Structure formats: structure tokens, C-alpha cells
Amino acid sequence: MSTGLNDNEIISQVLNGNQQAYAVLVNRHQNYVFTLSLRMVKSREDAEEVAQDVFIKAYKYLADFRGSSKFTTWLYTIVNNTCISFLRKKKLEIHSLDNEKVFELADNHDSGMRANLVEQKSRIGMVNNAISLLNPADAEVVTLFYQAEQSLEEMAQILGIEVNAAKVRLHRARARLKEKMETHFKEEVRNLN
């Protein structure tokens, strides 16, 4: 199967009976789904479980995807709803103390990497830690725009708000993120400049 197909073409193949084509979608979007899940449920194991549930639900309801937005926008809605349901079932608080441990483990996972990759990973870990210090609404907006690479229009659609409101929320969230980074990661921020 050619991986040069776009998401809509692959979805058409799946809906026309080629169930193996769904594996291409899963491979293409598994990091996206896992990252969003981890941001919300805070535990690596729980995020893996949620990600599996997301892809099962996406497959089950694939015929409902209309193609009027990007597949990742539709998939984000499933991730968001699945995480909320999962958290309700587990009765976890949104702010988990395990969060710092998860990112420390992720930062230390590949200690044999070249120096520049280790430094880049450390920066990503620092930014992720700073995002985790934001309130959930700000963290969601920053994650959607920078990590999920959603446009302002797509963010507005996902959040159910106007584009200008999404732009304002992103602007304010960036300011709060900058403040968190300067407060909690003063030395690291100074070394970046």
C-alpha cells in the first residue's frame, strides 16, 4: 500500500472494504493521539490505553467522518471525549503529581543520543513541563496549536468558539506560558538566548 495517499483517500479505501488501509492511518497518527492523550491523562500507561480506545472508536465511526475538516481535527474530538470519559471512570484529578515523573523518564530514556539531540529533548521536556503548569484551557490551546499543529480555524472548530476568540486565547496562553517558563525555568531560558 502506498503511504503517499492523503487521509481522505485512505479513509475511502477503508470504507470500501480494505481494512488493512486503516493501519496506515494508525501509524500516521499514533504519535499525535498518544501525545494528546498523555497531556490529558498524565500517565504513560493510561495514555497508551486511551490511544488504543481512540483508534477503535475512530474505526467504528469512520463512516461518520464527513471530510469537511482535517482528519486530525475529527480525531482530536475523539481523543478529547475518550480522555474525559476515561478520567471520569478512574475519578482522577486533571492535575496529577506523576506528570513531572513521566517527563523525567522520557527525558532520560535515550541517554546514548548525540549531544544536540539530548539538548533538543531537554528543551522539549522543559516546554512540556511548563505547559503542564498552565491551567487546562491554556494547555489545551497551546497543545492544539504547537503540538497538534492545528490552524486557528481548526482550533476554533474543535473548541466551539469563533476564530478571533481562538486567536485571543492562544495569545493569552502564550503569555502565560512565557511567564511560567521565566519563573520556573529561569536558568534554562537564559541559556537558550
N, C-alpha and C. Protein backbone atom coordinates (compact mmCIF):
# COMPACT_ATOMS: atom_id res chain seq x y z
N MET A 1 0.85 -1.19 0.00
CA MET A 1 0.00 0.00 0.00
C MET A 1 0.89 1.24 0.00
N SER A 2 0.59 2.18 -0.83
CA SER A 2 1.34 3.43 -0.91
C SER A 2 0.97 4.33 0.26
N THR A 3 2.01 4.84 0.94
CA THR A 3 1.74 5.76 2.05
C THR A 3 1.66 7.20 1.55
N GLY A 4 1.75 7.40 0.23
CA GLY A 4 1.65 8.73 -0.33
C GLY A 4 0.22 9.23 -0.43
N LEU A 5 -0.73 8.38 -0.08
CA LEU A 5 -2.14 8.78 -0.12
C LEU A 5 -2.45 9.73 1.02
N ASN A 6 -3.39 10.64 0.79
CA ASN A 6 -3.79 11.51 1.89
C ASN A 6 -4.80 10.77 2.76
N ASP A 7 -5.12 11.35 3.92
CA ASP A 7 -6.01 10.69 4.88
C ASP A 7 -7.37 10.37 4.27
N ASN A 8 -7.93 11.29 3.51
CA ASN A 8 -9.26 11.07 2.91
C ASN A 8 -9.26 9.90 1.93
N GLU A 9 -8.17 9.76 1.17
CA GLU A 9 -8.07 8.64 0.23
C GLU A 9 -7.97 7.31 0.98
N ILE A 10 -7.21 7.31 2.06
CA ILE A 10 -7.08 6.09 2.86
C ILE A 10 -8.43 5.74 3.51
N ILE A 11 -9.12 6.74 4.01
CA ILE A 11 -10.44 6.52 4.63
C ILE A 11 -11.40 5.92 3.59
N SER A 12 -11.36 6.41 2.37
CA SER A 12 -12.21 5.86 1.31
C SER A 12 -11.91 4.39 1.08
N GLN A 13 -10.63 4.04 1.08
CA GLN A 13 -10.24 2.65 0.90
C GLN A 13 -10.78 1.78 2.04
N VAL A 14 -10.64 2.28 3.28
CA VAL A 14 -11.13 1.53 4.44
C VAL A 14 -12.63 1.33 4.33
N LEU A 15 -13.35 2.38 3.99
CA LEU A 15 -14.81 2.30 3.89
C LEU A 15 -15.26 1.42 2.74
N ASN A 16 -14.38 1.22 1.74
CA ASN A 16 -14.70 0.34 0.61
C ASN A 16 -14.23 -1.09 0.85
N GLY A 17 -13.87 -1.41 2.09
CA GLY A 17 -13.56 -2.80 2.44
C GLY A 17 -12.10 -3.14 2.66
N ASN A 18 -11.18 -2.22 2.40
CA ASN A 18 -9.76 -2.50 2.60
C ASN A 18 -9.39 -2.18 4.05
N GLN A 19 -9.63 -3.12 4.93
CA GLN A 19 -9.41 -2.88 6.36
C GLN A 19 -7.93 -2.70 6.70
N GLN A 20 -7.04 -3.27 5.91
CA GLN A 20 -5.60 -3.11 6.17
C GLN A 20 -5.16 -1.66 6.00
N ALA A 21 -5.88 -0.90 5.21
CA ALA A 21 -5.51 0.50 4.99
C ALA A 21 -5.63 1.31 6.29
N TYR A 22 -6.45 0.84 7.21
CA TYR A 22 -6.60 1.56 8.49
C TYR A 22 -5.28 1.58 9.26
N ALA A 23 -4.46 0.55 9.08
CA ALA A 23 -3.15 0.51 9.76
C ALA A 23 -2.29 1.70 9.35
N VAL A 24 -2.44 2.16 8.11
CA VAL A 24 -1.68 3.33 7.65
C VAL A 24 -2.10 4.56 8.44
N LEU A 25 -3.42 4.72 8.63
CA LEU A 25 -3.90 5.85 9.42
C LEU A 25 -3.40 5.78 10.85
N VAL A 26 -3.44 4.59 11.43
CA VAL A 26 -2.97 4.42 12.81
C VAL A 26 -1.49 4.77 12.90
N ASN A 27 -0.67 4.25 11.99
CA ASN A 27 0.77 4.55 12.01
C ASN A 27 1.04 6.03 11.82
N ARG A 28 0.27 6.65 10.96
CA ARG A 28 0.46 8.06 10.64
C ARG A 28 0.12 8.97 11.83
N HIS A 29 -0.88 8.58 12.63
CA HIS A 29 -1.40 9.48 13.67
C HIS A 29 -1.21 8.97 15.09
N GLN A 30 -0.49 7.87 15.29
CA GLN A 30 -0.36 7.33 16.64
C GLN A 30 0.40 8.25 17.58
N ASN A 31 1.44 8.93 17.12
CA ASN A 31 2.17 9.85 18.00
C ASN A 31 1.30 11.04 18.39
N TYR A 32 0.55 11.54 17.45
CA TYR A 32 -0.39 12.65 17.68
C TYR A 32 -1.40 12.27 18.76
N VAL A 33 -2.03 11.12 18.61
CA VAL A 33 -3.04 10.66 19.56
C VAL A 33 -2.42 10.40 20.93
N PHE A 34 -1.26 9.77 20.95
CA PHE A 34 -0.60 9.47 22.23
C PHE A 34 -0.20 10.76 22.95
N THR A 35 0.35 11.73 22.23
CA THR A 35 0.77 12.99 22.84
C THR A 35 -0.42 13.72 23.46
N LEU A 36 -1.51 13.80 22.72
CA LEU A 36 -2.70 14.46 23.24
C LEU A 36 -3.26 13.71 24.45
N SER A 37 -3.28 12.40 24.37
CA SER A 37 -3.78 11.58 25.48
C SER A 37 -2.92 11.76 26.72
N LEU A 38 -1.62 11.73 26.54
CA LEU A 38 -0.69 11.88 27.66
C LEU A 38 -0.85 13.24 28.32
N ARG A 39 -1.08 14.27 27.52
CA ARG A 39 -1.26 15.61 28.06
C ARG A 39 -2.49 15.65 28.98
N MET A 40 -3.51 14.87 28.66
CA MET A 40 -4.75 14.93 29.44
C MET A 40 -4.79 13.93 30.60
N VAL A 41 -4.29 12.72 30.41
CA VAL A 41 -4.42 11.70 31.47
C VAL A 41 -3.18 11.59 32.34
N LYS A 42 -2.05 12.15 31.90
CA LYS A 42 -0.82 12.33 32.66
C LYS A 42 -0.03 11.04 32.93
N SER A 43 -0.55 9.88 32.66
CA SER A 43 0.15 8.63 32.90
C SER A 43 0.41 7.94 31.56
N ARG A 44 1.64 7.49 31.37
CA ARG A 44 2.03 6.86 30.12
C ARG A 44 1.17 5.62 29.84
N GLU A 45 0.97 4.80 30.85
CA GLU A 45 0.18 3.58 30.69
C GLU A 45 -1.27 3.92 30.34
N ASP A 46 -1.83 4.89 31.05
CA ASP A 46 -3.21 5.31 30.77
C ASP A 46 -3.32 5.91 29.38
N ALA A 47 -2.32 6.68 28.97
CA ALA A 47 -2.34 7.30 27.64
C ALA A 47 -2.30 6.22 26.55
N GLU A 48 -1.53 5.16 26.78
CA GLU A 48 -1.49 4.06 25.81
C GLU A 48 -2.86 3.39 25.70
N GLU A 49 -3.51 3.19 26.85
CA GLU A 49 -4.84 2.58 26.87
C GLU A 49 -5.86 3.48 26.15
N VAL A 50 -5.80 4.76 26.45
CA VAL A 50 -6.72 5.71 25.82
C VAL A 50 -6.47 5.75 24.31
N ALA A 51 -5.21 5.77 23.89
CA ALA A 51 -4.88 5.82 22.47
C ALA A 51 -5.47 4.62 21.73
N GLN A 52 -5.38 3.44 22.34
CA GLN A 52 -5.98 2.26 21.72
C GLN A 52 -7.50 2.42 21.58
N ASP A 53 -8.12 2.91 22.65
CA ASP A 53 -9.56 3.14 22.61
C ASP A 53 -9.94 4.14 21.53
N VAL A 54 -9.12 5.18 21.38
CA VAL A 54 -9.39 6.21 20.37
C VAL A 54 -9.40 5.60 18.98
N PHE A 55 -8.40 4.77 18.67
CA PHE A 55 -8.33 4.19 17.33
C PHE A 55 -9.44 3.17 17.09
N ILE A 56 -9.88 2.49 18.13
CA ILE A 56 -11.01 1.57 18.00
C ILE A 56 -12.29 2.36 17.71
N LYS A 57 -12.51 3.45 18.46
CA LYS A 57 -13.69 4.28 18.23
C LYS A 57 -13.63 4.94 16.86
N ALA A 58 -12.45 5.43 16.48
CA ALA A 58 -12.32 6.08 15.17
C ALA A 58 -12.66 5.09 14.05
N TYR A 59 -12.21 3.85 14.19
CA TYR A 59 -12.53 2.84 13.18
C TYR A 59 -14.03 2.57 13.14
N LYS A 60 -14.61 2.45 14.32
CA LYS A 60 -16.04 2.14 14.43
C LYS A 60 -16.91 3.23 13.79
N TYR A 61 -16.49 4.49 13.96
CA TYR A 61 -17.28 5.61 13.48
C TYR A 61 -16.69 6.29 12.24
N LEU A 62 -15.79 5.61 11.56
CA LEU A 62 -15.11 6.20 10.41
C LEU A 62 -16.10 6.67 9.34
N ALA A 63 -17.20 5.98 9.19
CA ALA A 63 -18.19 6.37 8.19
C ALA A 63 -18.82 7.72 8.52
N ASP A 64 -18.73 8.14 9.80
CA ASP A 64 -19.28 9.44 10.21
C ASP A 64 -18.37 10.61 9.85
N PHE A 65 -17.11 10.33 9.50
CA PHE A 65 -16.19 11.40 9.12
C PHE A 65 -16.63 11.96 7.78
N ARG A 66 -16.98 13.25 7.75
CA ARG A 66 -17.53 13.88 6.55
C ARG A 66 -16.46 14.45 5.64
N GLY A 67 -15.27 14.66 6.14
CA GLY A 67 -14.21 15.22 5.32
C GLY A 67 -14.27 16.73 5.18
N SER A 68 -15.16 17.39 5.94
CA SER A 68 -15.26 18.86 5.85
C SER A 68 -14.13 19.54 6.62
N SER A 69 -13.44 18.78 7.47
CA SER A 69 -12.27 19.29 8.18
C SER A 69 -11.17 18.24 8.05
N LYS A 70 -10.00 18.57 8.57
CA LYS A 70 -8.91 17.60 8.53
C LYS A 70 -9.26 16.40 9.39
N PHE A 71 -8.73 15.24 9.05
CA PHE A 71 -8.95 14.02 9.82
C PHE A 71 -8.46 14.21 11.26
N THR A 72 -7.33 14.93 11.43
CA THR A 72 -6.79 15.14 12.77
C THR A 72 -7.72 15.97 13.64
N THR A 73 -8.48 16.87 13.04
CA THR A 73 -9.45 17.66 13.80
C THR A 73 -10.55 16.75 14.34
N TRP A 74 -11.05 15.88 13.48
CA TRP A 74 -12.07 14.91 13.88
C TRP A 74 -11.51 13.95 14.93
N LEU A 75 -10.28 13.51 14.70
CA LEU A 75 -9.63 12.58 15.63
C LEU A 75 -9.41 13.24 16.99
N TYR A 76 -9.08 14.54 17.00
CA TYR A 76 -8.89 15.25 18.26
C TYR A 76 -10.15 15.21 19.11
N THR A 77 -11.29 15.37 18.48
CA THR A 77 -12.55 15.32 19.21
C THR A 77 -12.73 13.97 19.89
N ILE A 78 -12.37 12.90 19.19
CA ILE A 78 -12.47 11.56 19.78
C ILE A 78 -11.48 11.42 20.93
N VAL A 79 -10.26 11.93 20.76
CA VAL A 79 -9.26 11.88 21.83
C VAL A 79 -9.78 12.62 23.06
N ASN A 80 -10.27 13.82 22.85
CA ASN A 80 -10.75 14.64 23.95
C ASN A 80 -11.88 13.95 24.71
N ASN A 81 -12.88 13.46 23.98
CA ASN A 81 -14.01 12.80 24.62
C ASN A 81 -13.61 11.51 25.32
N THR A 82 -12.70 10.75 24.71
CA THR A 82 -12.25 9.49 25.31
C THR A 82 -11.46 9.76 26.59
N CYS A 83 -10.62 10.79 26.58
CA CYS A 83 -9.86 11.14 27.78
C CYS A 83 -10.79 11.58 28.91
N ILE A 84 -11.78 12.39 28.58
CA ILE A 84 -12.72 12.86 29.60
C ILE A 84 -13.47 11.67 30.20
N SER A 85 -13.93 10.76 29.35
CA SER A 85 -14.63 9.57 29.85
C SER A 85 -13.71 8.71 30.71
N PHE A 86 -12.48 8.56 30.26
CA PHE A 86 -11.51 7.75 31.00
C PHE A 86 -11.25 8.36 32.38
N LEU A 87 -11.05 9.67 32.43
CA LEU A 87 -10.79 10.34 33.70
C LEU A 87 -12.00 10.25 34.63
N ARG A 88 -13.18 10.34 34.08
CA ARG A 88 -14.38 10.21 34.90
C ARG A 88 -14.47 8.80 35.50
N LYS A 89 -14.18 7.80 34.69
CA LYS A 89 -14.23 6.42 35.17
C LYS A 89 -13.20 6.17 36.27
N LYS A 90 -12.01 6.68 36.07
CA LYS A 90 -10.95 6.50 37.06
C LYS A 90 -11.05 7.48 38.21
N LYS A 91 -11.87 8.51 38.01
CA LYS A 91 -12.03 9.57 39.01
C LYS A 91 -10.68 10.17 39.41
N LEU A 92 -9.89 10.46 38.39
CA LEU A 92 -8.60 11.10 38.60
C LEU A 92 -8.75 12.60 38.54
N GLU A 93 -7.91 13.28 39.26
CA GLU A 93 -7.86 14.73 39.11
C GLU A 93 -7.09 15.05 37.84
N ILE A 94 -7.44 16.15 37.23
CA ILE A 94 -6.78 16.56 35.99
C ILE A 94 -5.29 16.83 36.24
N HIS A 95 -4.96 17.41 37.39
CA HIS A 95 -3.56 17.73 37.70
C HIS A 95 -2.97 16.61 38.53
N SER A 96 -2.15 15.79 37.89
CA SER A 96 -1.54 14.64 38.56
C SER A 96 -0.10 14.97 38.94
N LEU A 97 0.31 14.52 40.10
CA LEU A 97 1.69 14.74 40.54
C LEU A 97 2.66 13.86 39.75
N ASP A 98 2.17 12.82 39.10
CA ASP A 98 3.02 11.94 38.32
C ASP A 98 3.56 12.61 37.06
N ASN A 99 3.00 13.74 36.69
CA ASN A 99 3.36 14.40 35.44
C ASN A 99 4.86 14.66 35.33
N GLU A 100 5.46 15.21 36.36
CA GLU A 100 6.89 15.50 36.30
C GLU A 100 7.70 14.22 36.12
N LYS A 101 7.29 13.15 36.79
CA LYS A 101 8.00 11.89 36.68
C LYS A 101 7.93 11.35 35.26
N VAL A 102 6.79 11.48 34.61
CA VAL A 102 6.63 11.00 33.24
C VAL A 102 7.62 11.70 32.32
N PHE A 103 7.72 13.02 32.45
CA PHE A 103 8.62 13.75 31.58
C PHE A 103 10.09 13.51 31.94
N GLU A 104 10.40 13.30 33.21
CA GLU A 104 11.76 12.96 33.60
C GLU A 104 12.16 11.62 32.99
N LEU A 105 11.26 10.65 33.05
CA LEU A 105 11.53 9.35 32.44
C LEU A 105 11.73 9.49 30.94
N ALA A 106 10.88 10.28 30.31
CA ALA A 106 11.01 10.48 28.86
C ALA A 106 12.33 11.17 28.52
N ASP A 107 12.73 12.15 29.33
CA ASP A 107 13.98 12.86 29.07
C ASP A 107 15.20 11.95 29.24
N ASN A 108 15.12 11.00 30.18
CA ASN A 108 16.27 10.13 30.47
C ASN A 108 16.26 8.84 29.66
N HIS A 109 15.25 8.61 28.85
CA HIS A 109 15.07 7.36 28.15
C HIS A 109 16.22 7.05 27.18
N ASP A 110 16.64 8.02 26.40
CA ASP A 110 17.68 7.79 25.39
C ASP A 110 18.98 8.49 25.76
N SER A 111 19.61 8.03 26.80
CA SER A 111 20.81 8.72 27.29
C SER A 111 22.00 8.58 26.34
N GLY A 112 21.96 7.67 25.38
CA GLY A 112 23.05 7.48 24.45
C GLY A 112 22.97 8.35 23.21
N MET A 113 22.06 9.29 23.15
CA MET A 113 21.90 10.12 21.96
C MET A 113 23.02 11.14 21.84
N ARG A 114 23.19 11.63 20.62
CA ARG A 114 24.18 12.68 20.41
C ARG A 114 23.80 13.93 21.20
N ALA A 115 24.78 14.76 21.50
CA ALA A 115 24.59 15.91 22.39
C ALA A 115 23.47 16.85 21.92
N ASN A 116 23.42 17.15 20.64
CA ASN A 116 22.39 18.09 20.17
C ASN A 116 20.99 17.50 20.28
N LEU A 117 20.84 16.19 20.10
CA LEU A 117 19.53 15.57 20.26
C LEU A 117 19.11 15.55 21.73
N VAL A 118 20.08 15.33 22.61
CA VAL A 118 19.79 15.35 24.05
C VAL A 118 19.37 16.75 24.47
N GLU A 119 20.06 17.76 23.95
CA GLU A 119 19.71 19.15 24.27
C GLU A 119 18.32 19.49 23.75
N GLN A 120 18.00 19.07 22.53
CA GLN A 120 16.68 19.32 21.97
C GLN A 120 15.60 18.63 22.80
N LYS A 121 15.86 17.40 23.20
CA LYS A 121 14.91 16.65 24.02
C LYS A 121 14.71 17.33 25.37
N SER A 122 15.77 17.87 25.92
CA SER A 122 15.69 18.58 27.19
C SER A 122 14.83 19.84 27.05
N ARG A 123 14.99 20.54 25.94
CA ARG A 123 14.17 21.73 25.68
C ARG A 123 12.70 21.35 25.56
N ILE A 124 12.44 20.27 24.83
CA ILE A 124 11.06 19.81 24.68
C ILE A 124 10.49 19.43 26.04
N GLY A 125 11.29 18.74 26.85
CA GLY A 125 10.85 18.38 28.19
C GLY A 125 10.55 19.60 29.04
N MET A 126 11.40 20.63 28.92
CA MET A 126 11.19 21.86 29.67
C MET A 126 9.88 22.53 29.23
N VAL A 127 9.66 22.59 27.92
CA VAL A 127 8.43 23.21 27.42
C VAL A 127 7.22 22.39 27.87
N ASN A 128 7.31 21.07 27.79
CA ASN A 128 6.20 20.22 28.24
C ASN A 128 5.92 20.42 29.72
N ASN A 129 6.97 20.53 30.51
CA ASN A 129 6.78 20.79 31.94
C ASN A 129 6.11 22.15 32.17
N ALA A 130 6.54 23.14 31.40
CA ALA A 130 5.93 24.47 31.53
C ALA A 130 4.46 24.43 31.11
N ILE A 131 4.14 23.70 30.05
CA ILE A 131 2.75 23.56 29.61
C ILE A 131 1.92 22.90 30.70
N SER A 132 2.51 21.92 31.38
CA SER A 132 1.77 21.21 32.43
C SER A 132 1.45 22.12 33.62
N LEU A 133 2.16 23.23 33.74
CA LEU A 133 1.90 24.18 34.82
C LEU A 133 0.75 25.14 34.49
N LEU A 134 0.36 25.18 33.23
CA LEU A 134 -0.74 26.05 32.81
C LEU A 134 -2.08 25.46 33.25
N ASN A 135 -3.10 26.31 33.29
CA ASN A 135 -4.43 25.78 33.56
C ASN A 135 -4.84 24.93 32.35
N PRO A 136 -5.78 23.99 32.52
CA PRO A 136 -6.12 23.07 31.44
C PRO A 136 -6.55 23.74 30.14
N ALA A 137 -7.28 24.85 30.22
CA ALA A 137 -7.73 25.53 29.00
C ALA A 137 -6.54 26.10 28.21
N ASP A 138 -5.59 26.72 28.93
CA ASP A 138 -4.40 27.26 28.25
C ASP A 138 -3.54 26.13 27.68
N ALA A 139 -3.37 25.06 28.45
CA ALA A 139 -2.57 23.92 27.99
C ALA A 139 -3.19 23.32 26.72
N GLU A 140 -4.51 23.25 26.68
CA GLU A 140 -5.20 22.69 25.52
C GLU A 140 -4.94 23.53 24.28
N VAL A 141 -5.04 24.84 24.40
CA VAL A 141 -4.84 25.73 23.25
C VAL A 141 -3.41 25.65 22.75
N VAL A 142 -2.44 25.69 23.66
CA VAL A 142 -1.03 25.62 23.26
C VAL A 142 -0.73 24.26 22.61
N THR A 143 -1.26 23.20 23.18
CA THR A 143 -1.04 21.86 22.63
C THR A 143 -1.66 21.72 21.25
N LEU A 144 -2.86 22.22 21.09
CA LEU A 144 -3.52 22.14 19.78
C LEU A 144 -2.72 22.88 18.71
N PHE A 145 -2.26 24.08 19.03
CA PHE A 145 -1.60 24.91 18.02
C PHE A 145 -0.18 24.43 17.72
N TYR A 146 0.61 24.15 18.76
CA TYR A 146 2.02 23.85 18.55
C TYR A 146 2.31 22.37 18.39
N GLN A 147 1.66 21.52 19.17
CA GLN A 147 1.99 20.10 19.09
C GLN A 147 1.08 19.35 18.13
N ALA A 148 -0.20 19.70 18.11
CA ALA A 148 -1.12 19.05 17.18
C ALA A 148 -1.16 19.76 15.84
N GLU A 149 -0.49 20.92 15.74
CA GLU A 149 -0.36 21.70 14.51
C GLU A 149 -1.70 22.02 13.86
N GLN A 150 -2.66 22.40 14.69
CA GLN A 150 -3.98 22.80 14.18
C GLN A 150 -3.94 24.30 13.88
N SER A 151 -4.61 24.69 12.81
CA SER A 151 -4.69 26.11 12.46
C SER A 151 -5.66 26.79 13.42
N LEU A 152 -5.68 28.11 13.40
CA LEU A 152 -6.62 28.85 14.25
C LEU A 152 -8.07 28.47 13.91
N GLU A 153 -8.35 28.30 12.63
CA GLU A 153 -9.70 27.92 12.21
C GLU A 153 -10.07 26.55 12.75
N GLU A 154 -9.12 25.60 12.68
CA GLU A 154 -9.37 24.25 13.19
C GLU A 154 -9.52 24.26 14.70
N MET A 155 -8.68 25.05 15.37
CA MET A 155 -8.80 25.17 16.83
C MET A 155 -10.17 25.71 17.21
N ALA A 156 -10.62 26.74 16.50
CA ALA A 156 -11.92 27.34 16.80
C ALA A 156 -13.03 26.30 16.62
N GLN A 157 -12.92 25.51 15.57
CA GLN A 157 -13.92 24.47 15.32
C GLN A 157 -13.91 23.43 16.45
N ILE A 158 -12.74 22.98 16.84
CA ILE A 158 -12.60 21.98 17.91
C ILE A 158 -13.16 22.51 19.22
N LEU A 159 -12.82 23.76 19.54
CA LEU A 159 -13.20 24.34 20.82
C LEU A 159 -14.62 24.91 20.81
N GLY A 160 -15.22 25.01 19.62
CA GLY A 160 -16.57 25.55 19.52
C GLY A 160 -16.65 27.04 19.78
N ILE A 161 -15.61 27.76 19.34
CA ILE A 161 -15.57 29.22 19.53
C ILE A 161 -15.26 29.88 18.19
N GLU A 162 -15.35 31.21 18.15
CA GLU A 162 -15.01 31.97 16.95
C GLU A 162 -13.49 31.99 16.75
N VAL A 163 -13.06 32.20 15.52
CA VAL A 163 -11.63 32.23 15.20
C VAL A 163 -10.92 33.33 15.99
N ASN A 164 -11.54 34.51 16.08
CA ASN A 164 -10.91 35.60 16.83
C ASN A 164 -10.76 35.24 18.31
N ALA A 165 -11.73 34.54 18.87
CA ALA A 165 -11.65 34.11 20.27
C ALA A 165 -10.50 33.10 20.43
N ALA A 166 -10.33 32.21 19.45
CA ALA A 166 -9.23 31.25 19.50
C ALA A 166 -7.88 31.97 19.45
N LYS A 167 -7.82 33.01 18.61
CA LYS A 167 -6.59 33.79 18.47
C LYS A 167 -6.25 34.49 19.80
N VAL A 168 -7.27 35.06 20.43
CA VAL A 168 -7.07 35.75 21.71
C VAL A 168 -6.64 34.74 22.79
N ARG A 169 -7.32 33.58 22.83
CA ARG A 169 -6.97 32.57 23.83
C ARG A 169 -5.53 32.09 23.64
N LEU A 170 -5.12 31.90 22.38
CA LEU A 170 -3.76 31.46 22.09
C LEU A 170 -2.77 32.54 22.53
N HIS A 171 -3.06 33.79 22.22
CA HIS A 171 -2.17 34.90 22.61
C HIS A 171 -1.99 34.93 24.13
N ARG A 172 -3.10 34.84 24.86
CA ARG A 172 -3.04 34.87 26.32
C ARG A 172 -2.32 33.65 26.88
N ALA A 173 -2.58 32.49 26.28
CA ALA A 173 -1.92 31.26 26.73
C ALA A 173 -0.41 31.33 26.50
N ARG A 174 0.01 31.90 25.37
CA ARG A 174 1.44 32.09 25.10
C ARG A 174 2.08 32.98 26.15
N ALA A 175 1.39 34.06 26.51
CA ALA A 175 1.92 34.98 27.53
C ALA A 175 2.07 34.27 28.86
N ARG A 176 1.07 33.46 29.23
CA ARG A 176 1.15 32.72 30.50
C ARG A 176 2.24 31.65 30.45
N LEU A 177 2.41 31.02 29.28
CA LEU A 177 3.47 30.02 29.12
C LEU A 177 4.83 30.68 29.27
N LYS A 178 5.00 31.84 28.66
CA LYS A 178 6.26 32.57 28.78
C LYS A 178 6.53 32.91 30.24
N GLU A 179 5.50 33.35 30.93
CA GLU A 179 5.65 33.69 32.35
C GLU A 179 6.05 32.46 33.17
N LYS A 180 5.42 31.32 32.91
CA LYS A 180 5.76 30.08 33.63
C LYS A 180 7.20 29.68 33.35
N MET A 181 7.61 29.80 32.10
CA MET A 181 8.98 29.42 31.75
C MET A 181 9.99 30.33 32.41
N GLU A 182 9.71 31.64 32.42
CA GLU A 182 10.64 32.57 33.04
C GLU A 182 10.67 32.41 34.56
N THR A 183 9.56 31.98 35.15
CA THR A 183 9.50 31.80 36.60
C THR A 183 10.14 30.49 37.04
N HIS A 184 9.77 29.40 36.37
CA HIS A 184 10.17 28.07 36.82
C HIS A 184 11.43 27.53 36.14
N PHE A 185 11.78 28.10 34.99
CA PHE A 185 12.94 27.61 34.24
C PHE A 185 13.84 28.78 33.85
N LYS A 186 14.07 29.66 34.82
CA LYS A 186 14.81 30.90 34.58
C LYS A 186 16.18 30.64 33.95
N GLU A 187 16.95 29.73 34.52
CA GLU A 187 18.30 29.44 34.05
C GLU A 187 18.28 28.84 32.64
N GLU A 188 17.36 27.90 32.41
CA GLU A 188 17.26 27.25 31.09
C GLU A 188 16.87 28.26 30.00
N VAL A 189 15.95 29.15 30.33
CA VAL A 189 15.53 30.17 29.37
C VAL A 189 16.71 31.10 29.05
N ARG A 190 17.47 31.46 30.07
CA ARG A 190 18.62 32.33 29.85
C ARG A 190 19.64 31.65 28.94
N ASN A 191 19.83 30.33 29.10
CA ASN A 191 20.78 29.60 28.27
C ASN A 191 20.33 29.45 26.82
N LEU A 192 19.02 29.55 26.59
CA LEU A 192 18.51 29.47 25.22
C LEU A 192 18.83 30.72 24.42
N ASN A 193 18.98 31.86 25.09
CA ASN A 193 19.21 33.13 24.39
C ASN A 193 20.65 33.37 24.09
